[in-house]
Each structure stands twice: as structure tokens, then as C-alpha cells.
């Protein structure tokens, strides 16, 4: 099993959700987060005063899938989230040793 974590632009969330639902992925956790990558934020002007915005709003999507589907899910997610501009985000893939469904104690891929 693989855990896929993606940090994306907030305005791309609906496109990513629709793309994942389109390939049969229906379980995910979505969180609103703030951060920056290489772009290190930007400057804005408010009432004539310039200030730096260095923690930008992002959306974090987390999902666990079978190892066999991981590449397909990452490809679909990255394609849907891509705008071609700086700050599109990142995708991280890690191994999951076990998963347990609390309701009935299913384990492993059966818990997904």
C-alpha cells in the first residue's frame, strides 16, 4: 500500500477531486494548509504599505491506495493539479505498512 500526499493550489481542488473520482478513487482527506516552496511567497501592497506574504494558502490531499494503483493515481492527480506555473505543488509517496478499519478490524488492503 502507498500513501499519497499532495500539496496543491486551492483553486485546483475540484478538478483533482473529479479526476480521482473518475478513476474510482473515492476515499481522501483534504486539509487547508499554508506554506511555501521555492517561490518563498510574494509581496503585496495594502493601503500604500508593502508587505511580504510568505505562507501561501494551499490544500493538502492525503489518500492511501494499493501499490498497484499508486502510479495511476499520482499521474492523474498531478495532471489535474498542473497549471504550468510556479507553486503548482508537490506529491509525496510513502509506503504504508498496515491499515486497520476500526469498525470491523479489516486489515491491509481490505481496510481500504
PDB file of N, CA and C in Angstrom:
ATOM      1  N   UNK A   1       0.844  -1.175   0.000  1.00  0.00           N
ATOM      2  CA  UNK A   1       0.000   0.000   0.000  1.00  0.00           C
ATOM      3  C   UNK A   1       0.887   1.235   0.000  1.00  0.00           C
ATOM      4  N   UNK A   2       0.373   2.293  -0.591  1.00  0.00           N
ATOM      5  CA  UNK A   2       1.098   3.556  -0.679  1.00  0.00           C
ATOM      6  C   UNK A   2       0.227   4.696  -0.158  1.00  0.00           C
ATOM      7  N   UNK A   3       0.867   5.607   0.573  1.00  0.00           N
ATOM      8  CA  UNK A   3       0.193   6.832   0.992  1.00  0.00           C
ATOM      9  C   UNK A   3       0.659   7.942   0.059  1.00  0.00           C
ATOM     10  N   UNK A   4      -0.297   8.640  -0.514  1.00  0.00           N
ATOM     11  CA  UNK A   4      -0.004   9.730  -1.436  1.00  0.00           C
ATOM     12  C   UNK A   4      -0.447  11.023  -0.765  1.00  0.00           C
ATOM     13  N   UNK A   5       0.489  11.936  -0.603  1.00  0.00           N
ATOM     14  CA  UNK A   5       0.193  13.258  -0.050  1.00  0.00           C
ATOM     15  C   UNK A   5       0.503  14.273  -1.136  1.00  0.00           C
ATOM     16  N   UNK A   6      -0.437  15.136  -1.415  1.00  0.00           N
ATOM     17  CA  UNK A   6      -0.238  16.163  -2.433  1.00  0.00           C
ATOM     18  C   UNK A   6      -0.551  17.527  -1.842  1.00  0.00           C
ATOM     19  N   UNK A   7       0.322  18.480  -2.104  1.00  0.00           N
ATOM     20  CA  UNK A   7       0.092  19.869  -1.729  1.00  0.00           C
ATOM     21  C   UNK A   7      -0.192  20.594  -3.040  1.00  0.00           C
ATOM     22  N   UNK A   8      -1.394  21.168  -3.169  1.00  0.00           N
ATOM     23  CA  UNK A   8      -1.799  21.775  -4.435  1.00  0.00           C
ATOM     24  C   UNK A   8      -2.379  23.172  -4.209  1.00  0.00           C
ATOM     25  N   UNK A   9      -2.607  23.868  -5.303  1.00  0.00           N
ATOM     26  CA  UNK A   9      -3.264  25.168  -5.268  1.00  0.00           C
ATOM     27  C   UNK A   9      -4.738  24.969  -4.898  1.00  0.00           C
ATOM     28  N   UNK A  10      -5.296  25.829  -4.050  1.00  0.00           N
ATOM     29  CA  UNK A  10      -6.695  25.665  -3.637  1.00  0.00           C
ATOM     30  C   UNK A  10      -7.692  25.662  -4.790  1.00  0.00           C
ATOM     31  N   UNK A  11      -7.450  26.461  -5.829  1.00  0.00           N
ATOM     32  CA  UNK A  11      -8.411  26.537  -6.933  1.00  0.00           C
ATOM     33  C   UNK A  11      -8.405  25.285  -7.808  1.00  0.00           C
ATOM     34  N   UNK A  12      -7.448  24.372  -7.590  1.00  0.00           N
ATOM     35  CA  UNK A  12      -7.389  23.128  -8.361  1.00  0.00           C
ATOM     36  C   UNK A  12      -8.066  21.953  -7.653  1.00  0.00           C
ATOM     37  N   UNK A  13      -8.575  22.179  -6.437  1.00  0.00           N
ATOM     38  CA  UNK A  13      -9.128  21.075  -5.650  1.00  0.00           C
ATOM     39  C   UNK A  13     -10.273  20.362  -6.362  1.00  0.00           C
ATOM     40  N   UNK A  14     -11.238  21.098  -6.889  1.00  0.00           N
ATOM     41  CA  UNK A  14     -12.383  20.450  -7.543  1.00  0.00           C
ATOM     42  C   UNK A  14     -11.954  19.626  -8.749  1.00  0.00           C
ATOM     43  N   UNK A  15     -11.009  20.144  -9.538  1.00  0.00           N
ATOM     44  CA  UNK A  15     -10.515  19.392 -10.696  1.00  0.00           C
ATOM     45  C   UNK A  15      -9.841  18.095 -10.263  1.00  0.00           C
ATOM     46  N   UNK A  16      -9.036  18.173  -9.203  1.00  0.00           N
ATOM     47  CA  UNK A  16      -8.333  16.988  -8.710  1.00  0.00           C
ATOM     48  C   UNK A  16      -9.327  15.968  -8.159  1.00  0.00           C
ATOM     49  N   UNK A  17     -10.291  16.426  -7.351  1.00  0.00           N
ATOM     50  CA  UNK A  17     -11.305  15.504  -6.812  1.00  0.00           C
ATOM     51  C   UNK A  17     -12.065  14.817  -7.934  1.00  0.00           C
ATOM     52  N   UNK A  18     -12.499  15.575  -8.936  1.00  0.00           N
ATOM     53  CA  UNK A  18     -13.239  14.988 -10.053  1.00  0.00           C
ATOM     54  C   UNK A  18     -12.398  13.977 -10.821  1.00  0.00           C
ATOM     55  N   UNK A  19     -11.122  14.291 -11.032  1.00  0.00           N
ATOM     56  CA  UNK A  19     -10.237  13.373 -11.753  1.00  0.00           C
ATOM     57  C   UNK A  19     -10.041  12.081 -10.969  1.00  0.00           C
ATOM     58  N   UNK A  20      -9.860  12.188  -9.651  1.00  0.00           N
ATOM     59  CA  UNK A  20      -9.680  10.992  -8.832  1.00  0.00           C
ATOM     60  C   UNK A  20     -10.959  10.159  -8.776  1.00  0.00           C
ATOM     61  N   UNK A  21     -12.109  10.818  -8.645  1.00  0.00           N
ATOM     62  CA  UNK A  21     -13.375  10.082  -8.677  1.00  0.00           C
ATOM     63  C   UNK A  21     -13.560   9.396 -10.022  1.00  0.00           C
ATOM     64  N   UNK A  22     -13.086  10.033 -11.089  1.00  0.00           N
ATOM     65  CA  UNK A  22     -13.194   9.469 -12.425  1.00  0.00           C
ATOM     66  C   UNK A  22     -12.435   8.169 -12.610  1.00  0.00           C
ATOM     67  N   UNK A  23     -11.383   7.955 -11.824  1.00  0.00           N
ATOM     68  CA  UNK A  23     -10.647   6.688 -11.925  1.00  0.00           C
ATOM     69  C   UNK A  23     -10.988   5.742 -10.771  1.00  0.00           C
ATOM     70  N   UNK A  24     -12.030   6.072 -10.011  1.00  0.00           N
ATOM     71  CA  UNK A  24     -12.513   5.164  -8.975  1.00  0.00           C
ATOM     72  C   UNK A  24     -11.899   5.348  -7.603  1.00  0.00           C
ATOM     73  N   UNK A  25     -11.212   6.457  -7.361  1.00  0.00           N
ATOM     74  CA  UNK A  25     -10.669   6.732  -6.030  1.00  0.00           C
ATOM     75  C   UNK A  25     -11.691   7.579  -5.298  1.00  0.00           C
ATOM     76  N   UNK A  26     -12.244   7.039  -4.205  1.00  0.00           N
ATOM     77  CA  UNK A  26     -13.300   7.781  -3.530  1.00  0.00           C
ATOM     78  C   UNK A  26     -12.970   8.154  -2.095  1.00  0.00           C
ATOM     79  N   UNK A  27     -11.880   7.659  -1.539  1.00  0.00           N
ATOM     80  CA  UNK A  27     -11.521   7.997  -0.171  1.00  0.00           C
ATOM     81  C   UNK A  27     -10.315   8.912  -0.130  1.00  0.00           C
ATOM     82  N   UNK A  28     -10.472  10.069   0.481  1.00  0.00           N
ATOM     83  CA  UNK A  28      -9.355  11.004   0.609  1.00  0.00           C
ATOM     84  C   UNK A  28      -9.606  11.930   1.781  1.00  0.00           C
ATOM     85  N   UNK A  29      -8.549  12.509   2.299  1.00  0.00           N
ATOM     86  CA  UNK A  29      -8.636  13.520   3.345  1.00  0.00           C
ATOM     87  C   UNK A  29      -8.095  14.815   2.762  1.00  0.00           C
ATOM     88  N   UNK A  30      -8.830  15.901   2.967  1.00  0.00           N
ATOM     89  CA  UNK A  30      -8.432  17.203   2.432  1.00  0.00           C
ATOM     90  C   UNK A  30      -8.294  18.180   3.590  1.00  0.00           C
ATOM     91  N   UNK A  31      -7.165  18.884   3.634  1.00  0.00           N
ATOM     92  CA  UNK A  31      -6.903  19.872   4.685  1.00  0.00           C
ATOM     93  C   UNK A  31      -6.457  21.182   4.057  1.00  0.00           C
ATOM     94  N   UNK A  32      -6.875  22.281   4.655  1.00  0.00           N
ATOM     95  CA  UNK A  32      -6.364  23.581   4.243  1.00  0.00           C
ATOM     96  C   UNK A  32      -5.090  23.832   5.028  1.00  0.00           C
ATOM     97  N   UNK A  33      -4.008  24.126   4.313  1.00  0.00           N
ATOM     98  CA  UNK A  33      -2.706  24.347   4.946  1.00  0.00           C
ATOM     99  C   UNK A  33      -2.086  25.622   4.391  1.00  0.00           C
ATOM    100  N   UNK A  34      -0.985  26.043   4.985  1.00  0.00           N
ATOM    101  CA  UNK A  34      -0.255  27.210   4.497  1.00  0.00           C
ATOM    102  C   UNK A  34       1.217  26.841   4.416  1.00  0.00           C
ATOM    103  N   UNK A  35       1.909  27.375   3.413  1.00  0.00           N
ATOM    104  CA  UNK A  35       3.330  27.093   3.281  1.00  0.00           C
ATOM    105  C   UNK A  35       3.901  27.753   2.045  1.00  0.00           C
ATOM    106  N   UNK A  36       5.161  27.444   1.780  1.00  0.00           N
ATOM    107  CA  UNK A  36       5.800  27.935   0.562  1.00  0.00           C
ATOM    108  C   UNK A  36       6.897  26.981   0.147  1.00  0.00           C
ATOM    109  N   UNK A  37       7.206  27.030  -1.107  1.00  0.00           N
ATOM    110  CA  UNK A  37       8.300  26.241  -1.657  1.00  0.00           C
ATOM    111  C   UNK A  37       9.388  27.182  -2.118  1.00  0.00           C
ATOM    112  N   UNK A  38       9.914  26.924  -3.310  1.00  0.00           N
ATOM    113  CA  UNK A  38      10.997  27.745  -3.838  1.00  0.00           C
ATOM    114  C   UNK A  38      10.604  29.195  -4.063  1.00  0.00           C
ATOM    115  N   UNK A  39       9.331  29.447  -4.349  1.00  0.00           N
ATOM    116  CA  UNK A  39       8.925  30.821  -4.657  1.00  0.00           C
ATOM    117  C   UNK A  39       8.968  31.712  -3.427  1.00  0.00           C
ATOM    118  N   UNK A  40       8.990  31.152  -2.239  1.00  0.00           N
ATOM    119  CA  UNK A  40       9.111  31.873  -0.976  1.00  0.00           C
ATOM    120  C   UNK A  40       8.100  33.001  -0.806  1.00  0.00           C
ATOM    121  N   UNK A  41       6.912  32.825  -1.332  1.00  0.00           N
ATOM    122  CA  UNK A  41       5.857  33.822  -1.167  1.00  0.00           C
ATOM    123  C   UNK A  41       5.967  34.961  -2.163  1.00  0.00           C
ATOM    124  N   UNK A  42       5.313  36.071  -1.842  1.00  0.00           N
ATOM    125  CA  UNK A  42       5.326  37.242  -2.713  1.00  0.00           C
ATOM    126  C   UNK A  42       5.029  38.488  -1.881  1.00  0.00           C
ATOM    127  N   UNK A  43       5.180  39.647  -2.500  1.00  0.00           N
ATOM    128  CA  UNK A  43       4.868  40.881  -1.789  1.00  0.00           C
ATOM    129  C   UNK A  43       3.553  41.451  -2.307  1.00  0.00           C
ATOM    130  N   UNK A  44       2.809  42.088  -1.418  1.00  0.00           N
ATOM    131  CA  UNK A  44       1.545  42.732  -1.761  1.00  0.00           C
ATOM    132  C   UNK A  44       1.538  44.130  -1.172  1.00  0.00           C
ATOM    133  N   UNK A  45       0.658  44.965  -1.706  1.00  0.00           N
ATOM    134  CA  UNK A  45       0.520  46.319  -1.185  1.00  0.00           C
ATOM    135  C   UNK A  45      -0.877  46.482  -0.606  1.00  0.00           C
ATOM    136  N   UNK A  46      -0.951  46.994   0.612  1.00  0.00           N
ATOM    137  CA  UNK A  46      -2.224  47.245   1.277  1.00  0.00           C
ATOM    138  C   UNK A  46      -2.171  48.645   1.866  1.00  0.00           C
ATOM    139  N   UNK A  47      -3.058  49.513   1.400  1.00  0.00           N
ATOM    140  CA  UNK A  47      -3.115  50.902   1.843  1.00  0.00           C
ATOM    141  C   UNK A  47      -1.756  51.591   1.731  1.00  0.00           C
ATOM    142  N   UNK A  48      -1.119  51.364   0.609  1.00  0.00           N
ATOM    143  CA  UNK A  48       0.154  52.008   0.337  1.00  0.00           C
ATOM    144  C   UNK A  48       1.349  51.385   1.029  1.00  0.00           C
ATOM    145  N   UNK A  49       1.127  50.410   1.857  1.00  0.00           N
ATOM    146  CA  UNK A  49       2.198  49.749   2.600  1.00  0.00           C
ATOM    147  C   UNK A  49       2.505  48.405   1.941  1.00  0.00           C
ATOM    148  N   UNK A  50       3.756  48.135   1.645  1.00  0.00           N
ATOM    149  CA  UNK A  50       4.148  46.870   1.040  1.00  0.00           C
ATOM    150  C   UNK A  50       4.489  45.873   2.146  1.00  0.00           C
ATOM    151  N   UNK A  51       4.024  44.649   2.001  1.00  0.00           N
ATOM    152  CA  UNK A  51       4.348  43.616   2.976  1.00  0.00           C
ATOM    153  C   UNK A  51       4.530  42.284   2.268  1.00  0.00           C
ATOM    154  N   UNK A  52       5.258  41.399   2.930  1.00  0.00           N
ATOM    155  CA  UNK A  52       5.581  40.098   2.349  1.00  0.00           C
ATOM    156  C   UNK A  52       4.599  39.035   2.832  1.00  0.00           C
ATOM    157  N   UNK A  53       4.071  38.269   1.895  1.00  0.00           N
ATOM    158  CA  UNK A  53       3.221  37.123   2.212  1.00  0.00           C
ATOM    159  C   UNK A  53       4.075  35.889   1.948  1.00  0.00           C
ATOM    160  N   UNK A  54       4.573  35.263   3.017  1.00  0.00           N
ATOM    161  CA  UNK A  54       5.493  34.137   2.804  1.00  0.00           C
ATOM    162  C   UNK A  54       4.882  32.772   3.094  1.00  0.00           C
ATOM    163  N   UNK A  55       3.700  32.727   3.683  1.00  0.00           N
ATOM    164  CA  UNK A  55       2.990  31.454   3.866  1.00  0.00           C
ATOM    165  C   UNK A  55       1.702  31.526   3.055  1.00  0.00           C
ATOM    166  N   UNK A  56       1.723  30.876   1.913  1.00  0.00           N
ATOM    167  CA  UNK A  56       0.611  30.943   0.976  1.00  0.00           C
ATOM    168  C   UNK A  56      -0.414  29.852   1.274  1.00  0.00           C
ATOM    169  N   UNK A  57      -1.703  30.126   1.023  1.00  0.00           N
ATOM    170  CA  UNK A  57      -2.720  29.091   1.237  1.00  0.00           C
ATOM    171  C   UNK A  57      -2.574  27.968   0.214  1.00  0.00           C
ATOM    172  N   UNK A  58      -2.612  26.743   0.704  1.00  0.00           N
ATOM    173  CA  UNK A  58      -2.532  25.538  -0.133  1.00  0.00           C
ATOM    174  C   UNK A  58      -3.564  24.545   0.370  1.00  0.00           C
ATOM    175  N   UNK A  59      -3.741  23.467  -0.372  1.00  0.00           N
ATOM    176  CA  UNK A  59      -4.617  22.371   0.035  1.00  0.00           C
ATOM    177  C   UNK A  59      -3.777  21.098   0.053  1.00  0.00           C
ATOM    178  N   UNK A  60      -3.926  20.324   1.123  1.00  0.00           N
ATOM    179  CA  UNK A  60      -3.215  19.051   1.235  1.00  0.00           C
ATOM    180  C   UNK A  60      -4.224  17.919   1.082  1.00  0.00           C
ATOM    181  N   UNK A  61      -3.943  17.033   0.157  1.00  0.00           N
ATOM    182  CA  UNK A  61      -4.787  15.860  -0.090  1.00  0.00           C
ATOM    183  C   UNK A  61      -3.986  14.629   0.324  1.00  0.00           C
ATOM    184  N   UNK A  62      -4.604  13.772   1.134  1.00  0.00           N
ATOM    185  CA  UNK A  62      -3.960  12.540   1.567  1.00  0.00           C
ATOM    186  C   UNK A  62      -4.859  11.364   1.207  1.00  0.00           C
ATOM    187  N   UNK A  63      -4.260  10.318   0.632  1.00  0.00           N
ATOM    188  CA  UNK A  63      -5.020   9.110   0.342  1.00  0.00           C
ATOM    189  C   UNK A  63      -4.091   7.911   0.371  1.00  0.00           C
ATOM    190  N   UNK A  64      -4.653   6.767   0.689  1.00  0.00           N
ATOM    191  CA  UNK A  64      -3.898   5.518   0.698  1.00  0.00           C
ATOM    192  C   UNK A  64      -4.524   4.609  -0.346  1.00  0.00           C
ATOM    193  N   UNK A  65      -3.673   4.069  -1.221  1.00  0.00           N
ATOM    194  CA  UNK A  65      -4.147   3.208  -2.309  1.00  0.00           C
ATOM    195  C   UNK A  65      -3.294   1.947  -2.359  1.00  0.00           C
ATOM    196  N   UNK A  66      -3.753   0.974  -3.100  1.00  0.00           N
ATOM    197  CA  UNK A  66      -2.950  -0.231  -3.290  1.00  0.00           C
ATOM    198  C   UNK A  66      -1.704   0.135  -4.090  1.00  0.00           C
ATOM    199  N   UNK A  67      -0.645  -0.616  -3.881  1.00  0.00           N
ATOM    200  CA  UNK A  67       0.610  -0.337  -4.585  1.00  0.00           C
ATOM    201  C   UNK A  67       0.430  -0.406  -6.094  1.00  0.00           C
ATOM    202  N   UNK A  68      -0.444  -1.290  -6.558  1.00  0.00           N
ATOM    203  CA  UNK A  68      -0.668  -1.449  -7.992  1.00  0.00           C
ATOM    204  C   UNK A  68      -1.281  -0.205  -8.633  1.00  0.00           C
ATOM    205  N   UNK A  69      -2.040   0.563  -7.870  1.00  0.00           N
ATOM    206  CA  UNK A  69      -2.716   1.755  -8.422  1.00  0.00           C
ATOM    207  C   UNK A  69      -1.964   3.057  -8.179  1.00  0.00           C
ATOM    208  N   UNK A  70      -0.886   3.013  -7.406  1.00  0.00           N
ATOM    209  CA  UNK A  70      -0.206   4.240  -6.983  1.00  0.00           C
ATOM    210  C   UNK A  70       0.248   5.103  -8.160  1.00  0.00           C
ATOM    211  N   UNK A  71       0.892   4.509  -9.165  1.00  0.00           N
ATOM    212  CA  UNK A  71       1.385   5.300 -10.300  1.00  0.00           C
ATOM    213  C   UNK A  71       0.247   5.967 -11.056  1.00  0.00           C
ATOM    214  N   UNK A  72      -0.842   5.237 -11.266  1.00  0.00           N
ATOM    215  CA  UNK A  72      -2.005   5.793 -11.968  1.00  0.00           C
ATOM    216  C   UNK A  72      -2.601   6.966 -11.185  1.00  0.00           C
ATOM    217  N   UNK A  73      -2.709   6.808  -9.876  1.00  0.00           N
ATOM    218  CA  UNK A  73      -3.288   7.860  -9.043  1.00  0.00           C
ATOM    219  C   UNK A  73      -2.395   9.095  -9.051  1.00  0.00           C
ATOM    220  N   UNK A  74      -1.092   8.910  -8.904  1.00  0.00           N
ATOM    221  CA  UNK A  74      -0.155  10.046  -8.916  1.00  0.00           C
ATOM    222  C   UNK A  74      -0.211  10.766 -10.255  1.00  0.00           C
ATOM    223  N   UNK A  75      -0.221  10.021 -11.333  1.00  0.00           N
ATOM    224  CA  UNK A  75      -0.275  10.615 -12.684  1.00  0.00           C
ATOM    225  C   UNK A  75      -1.558  11.426 -12.863  1.00  0.00           C
ATOM    226  N   UNK A  76      -2.691  10.864 -12.458  1.00  0.00           N
ATOM    227  CA  UNK A  76      -3.980  11.543 -12.590  1.00  0.00           C
ATOM    228  C   UNK A  76      -4.026  12.801 -11.728  1.00  0.00           C
ATOM    229  N   UNK A  77      -3.561  12.687 -10.496  1.00  0.00           N
ATOM    230  CA  UNK A  77      -3.562  13.819  -9.577  1.00  0.00           C
ATOM    231  C   UNK A  77      -2.672  14.949 -10.099  1.00  0.00           C
ATOM    232  N   UNK A  78      -1.466  14.615 -10.518  1.00  0.00           N
ATOM    233  CA  UNK A  78      -0.530  15.637 -10.993  1.00  0.00           C
ATOM    234  C   UNK A  78      -1.037  16.321 -12.259  1.00  0.00           C
ATOM    235  N   UNK A  79      -1.637  15.561 -13.152  1.00  0.00           N
ATOM    236  CA  UNK A  79      -2.177  16.145 -14.381  1.00  0.00           C
ATOM    237  C   UNK A  79      -3.307  17.113 -14.077  1.00  0.00           C
ATOM    238  N   UNK A  80      -4.195  16.738 -13.172  1.00  0.00           N
ATOM    239  CA  UNK A  80      -5.332  17.602 -12.820  1.00  0.00           C
ATOM    240  C   UNK A  80      -4.893  18.851 -12.056  1.00  0.00           C
ATOM    241  N   UNK A  81      -3.819  18.758 -11.280  1.00  0.00           N
ATOM    242  CA  UNK A  81      -3.372  19.884 -10.458  1.00  0.00           C
ATOM    243  C   UNK A  81      -2.453  20.844 -11.209  1.00  0.00           C
ATOM    244  N   UNK A  82      -1.957  20.435 -12.365  1.00  0.00           N
ATOM    245  CA  UNK A  82      -0.945  21.216 -13.077  1.00  0.00           C
ATOM    246  C   UNK A  82      -1.542  22.437 -13.774  1.00  0.00           C
ATOM    247  N   UNK A  83      -0.946  23.596 -13.511  1.00  0.00           N
ATOM    248  CA  UNK A  83      -1.289  24.807 -14.258  1.00  0.00           C
ATOM    249  C   UNK A  83      -0.104  25.267 -15.089  1.00  0.00           C
ATOM    250  N   UNK A  84       1.085  24.733 -14.794  1.00  0.00           N
ATOM    251  CA  UNK A  84       2.290  25.109 -15.522  1.00  0.00           C
ATOM    252  C   UNK A  84       2.992  26.316 -14.930  1.00  0.00           C
ATOM    253  N   UNK A  85       2.499  26.808 -13.802  1.00  0.00           N
ATOM    254  CA  UNK A  85       3.089  27.988 -13.168  1.00  0.00           C
ATOM    255  C   UNK A  85       3.812  27.593 -11.886  1.00  0.00           C
ATOM    256  N   UNK A  86       4.696  28.475 -11.415  1.00  0.00           N
ATOM    257  CA  UNK A  86       5.400  28.253 -10.158  1.00  0.00           C
ATOM    258  C   UNK A  86       4.368  28.126  -9.030  1.00  0.00           C
ATOM    259  N   UNK A  87       4.585  27.157  -8.135  1.00  0.00           N
ATOM    260  CA  UNK A  87       3.685  26.996  -6.999  1.00  0.00           C
ATOM    261  C   UNK A  87       2.585  25.980  -7.208  1.00  0.00           C
ATOM    262  N   UNK A  88       2.669  25.180  -8.279  1.00  0.00           N
ATOM    263  CA  UNK A  88       1.648  24.155  -8.517  1.00  0.00           C
ATOM    264  C   UNK A  88       1.594  23.122  -7.403  1.00  0.00           C
ATOM    265  N   UNK A  89       2.724  22.851  -6.738  1.00  0.00           N
ATOM    266  CA  UNK A  89       2.712  21.951  -5.595  1.00  0.00           C
ATOM    267  C   UNK A  89       3.650  20.774  -5.738  1.00  0.00           C
ATOM    268  N   UNK A  90       3.459  19.817  -4.857  1.00  0.00           N
ATOM    269  CA  UNK A  90       4.293  18.621  -4.798  1.00  0.00           C
ATOM    270  C   UNK A  90       3.425  17.412  -4.472  1.00  0.00           C
ATOM    271  N   UNK A  91       3.938  16.229  -4.842  1.00  0.00           N
ATOM    272  CA  UNK A  91       3.300  14.965  -4.492  1.00  0.00           C
ATOM    273  C   UNK A  91       4.360  14.110  -3.804  1.00  0.00           C
ATOM    274  N   UNK A  92       4.001  13.536  -2.666  1.00  0.00           N
ATOM    275  CA  UNK A  92       4.894  12.657  -1.924  1.00  0.00           C
ATOM    276  C   UNK A  92       4.247  11.282  -1.821  1.00  0.00           C
ATOM    277  N   UNK A  93       5.051  10.231  -2.048  1.00  0.00           N
ATOM    278  CA  UNK A  93       4.549   8.860  -1.983  1.00  0.00           C
ATOM    279  C   UNK A  93       5.390   8.098  -0.964  1.00  0.00           C
ATOM    280  N   UNK A  94       4.715   7.478   0.012  1.00  0.00           N
ATOM    281  CA  UNK A  94       5.412   6.694   1.027  1.00  0.00           C
ATOM    282  C   UNK A  94       4.742   5.324   1.169  1.00  0.00           C
ATOM    283  N   UNK A  95       5.504   4.381   1.692  1.00  0.00           N
ATOM    284  CA  UNK A  95       4.969   3.044   1.942  1.00  0.00           C
ATOM    285  C   UNK A  95       4.114   3.053   3.214  1.00  0.00           C
ATOM    286  N   UNK A  96       3.049   2.261   3.186  1.00  0.00           N
ATOM    287  CA  UNK A  96       2.194   2.068   4.357  1.00  0.00           C
ATOM    288  C   UNK A  96       2.314   0.605   4.766  1.00  0.00           C
ATOM    289  N   UNK A  97       2.697   0.370   5.998  1.00  0.00           N
ATOM    290  CA  UNK A  97       2.892  -0.998   6.464  1.00  0.00           C
ATOM    291  C   UNK A  97       1.587  -1.723   6.723  1.00  0.00           C
ATOM    292  N   UNK A  98       0.613  -1.020   7.263  1.00  0.00           N
ATOM    293  CA  UNK A  98      -0.654  -1.672   7.577  1.00  0.00           C
ATOM    294  C   UNK A  98      -1.749  -0.618   7.667  1.00  0.00           C
ATOM    295  N   UNK A  99      -2.975  -1.060   7.498  1.00  0.00           N
ATOM    296  CA  UNK A  99      -4.156  -0.217   7.675  1.00  0.00           C
ATOM    297  C   UNK A  99      -5.198  -1.069   8.381  1.00  0.00           C
ATOM    298  N   UNK A 100      -5.921  -0.469   9.306  1.00  0.00           N
ATOM    299  CA  UNK A 100      -6.955  -1.193  10.057  1.00  0.00           C
ATOM    300  C   UNK A 100      -8.242  -0.393  10.016  1.00  0.00           C
ATOM    301  N   UNK A 101      -9.316  -1.023   9.560  1.00  0.00           N
ATOM    302  CA  UNK A 101     -10.635  -0.379   9.614  1.00  0.00           C
ATOM    303  C   UNK A 101     -11.160  -0.554  11.027  1.00  0.00           C
ATOM    304  N   UNK A 102     -11.446   0.527  11.680  1.00  0.00           N
ATOM    305  CA  UNK A 102     -11.851   0.492  13.088  1.00  0.00           C
ATOM    306  C   UNK A 102     -13.163  -0.260  13.275  1.00  0.00           C
ATOM    307  N   UNK A 103     -14.112  -0.069  12.363  1.00  0.00           N
ATOM    308  CA  UNK A 103     -15.455  -0.649  12.523  1.00  0.00           C
ATOM    309  C   UNK A 103     -15.429  -2.155  12.674  1.00  0.00           C
ATOM    310  N   UNK A 104     -14.671  -2.857  11.813  1.00  0.00           N
ATOM    311  CA  UNK A 104     -14.715  -4.319  11.854  1.00  0.00           C
ATOM    312  C   UNK A 104     -13.335  -4.976  11.881  1.00  0.00           C
ATOM    313  N   UNK A 105     -12.295  -4.184  12.057  1.00  0.00           N
ATOM    314  CA  UNK A 105     -10.924  -4.649  12.168  1.00  0.00           C
ATOM    315  C   UNK A 105     -10.378  -5.305  10.904  1.00  0.00           C
ATOM    316  N   UNK A 106     -10.928  -4.971   9.731  1.00  0.00           N
ATOM    317  CA  UNK A 106     -10.302  -5.411   8.478  1.00  0.00           C
ATOM    318  C   UNK A 106      -8.887  -4.840   8.454  1.00  0.00           C
ATOM    319  N   UNK A 107      -7.963  -5.616   7.875  1.00  0.00           N
ATOM    320  CA  UNK A 107      -6.558  -5.195   7.841  1.00  0.00           C
ATOM    321  C   UNK A 107      -6.022  -5.185   6.415  1.00  0.00           C
ATOM    322  N   UNK A 108      -4.977  -4.405   6.213  1.00  0.00           N
ATOM    323  CA  UNK A 108      -4.311  -4.365   4.920  1.00  0.00           C
ATOM    324  C   UNK A 108      -5.195  -3.731   3.856  1.00  0.00           C
ATOM    325  N   UNK A 109      -5.073  -4.236   2.641  1.00  0.00           N
ATOM    326  CA  UNK A 109      -5.835  -3.676   1.524  1.00  0.00           C
ATOM    327  C   UNK A 109      -7.346  -3.823   1.710  1.00  0.00           C
ATOM    328  N   UNK A 110      -7.780  -4.813   2.490  1.00  0.00           N
ATOM    329  CA  UNK A 110      -9.211  -4.972   2.756  1.00  0.00           C
ATOM    330  C   UNK A 110      -9.771  -3.791   3.545  1.00  0.00           C
ATOM    331  N   UNK A 111      -8.911  -3.087   4.267  1.00  0.00           N
ATOM    332  CA  UNK A 111      -9.350  -1.931   5.058  1.00  0.00           C
ATOM    333  C   UNK A 111      -9.536  -0.689   4.200  1.00  0.00           C
ATOM    334  N   UNK A 112      -8.986  -0.719   2.999  1.00  0.00           N
ATOM    335  CA  UNK A 112      -9.119   0.446   2.124  1.00  0.00           C
ATOM    336  C   UNK A 112     -10.495   0.469   1.516  1.00  0.00           C
TER     337      UNK A 112
END
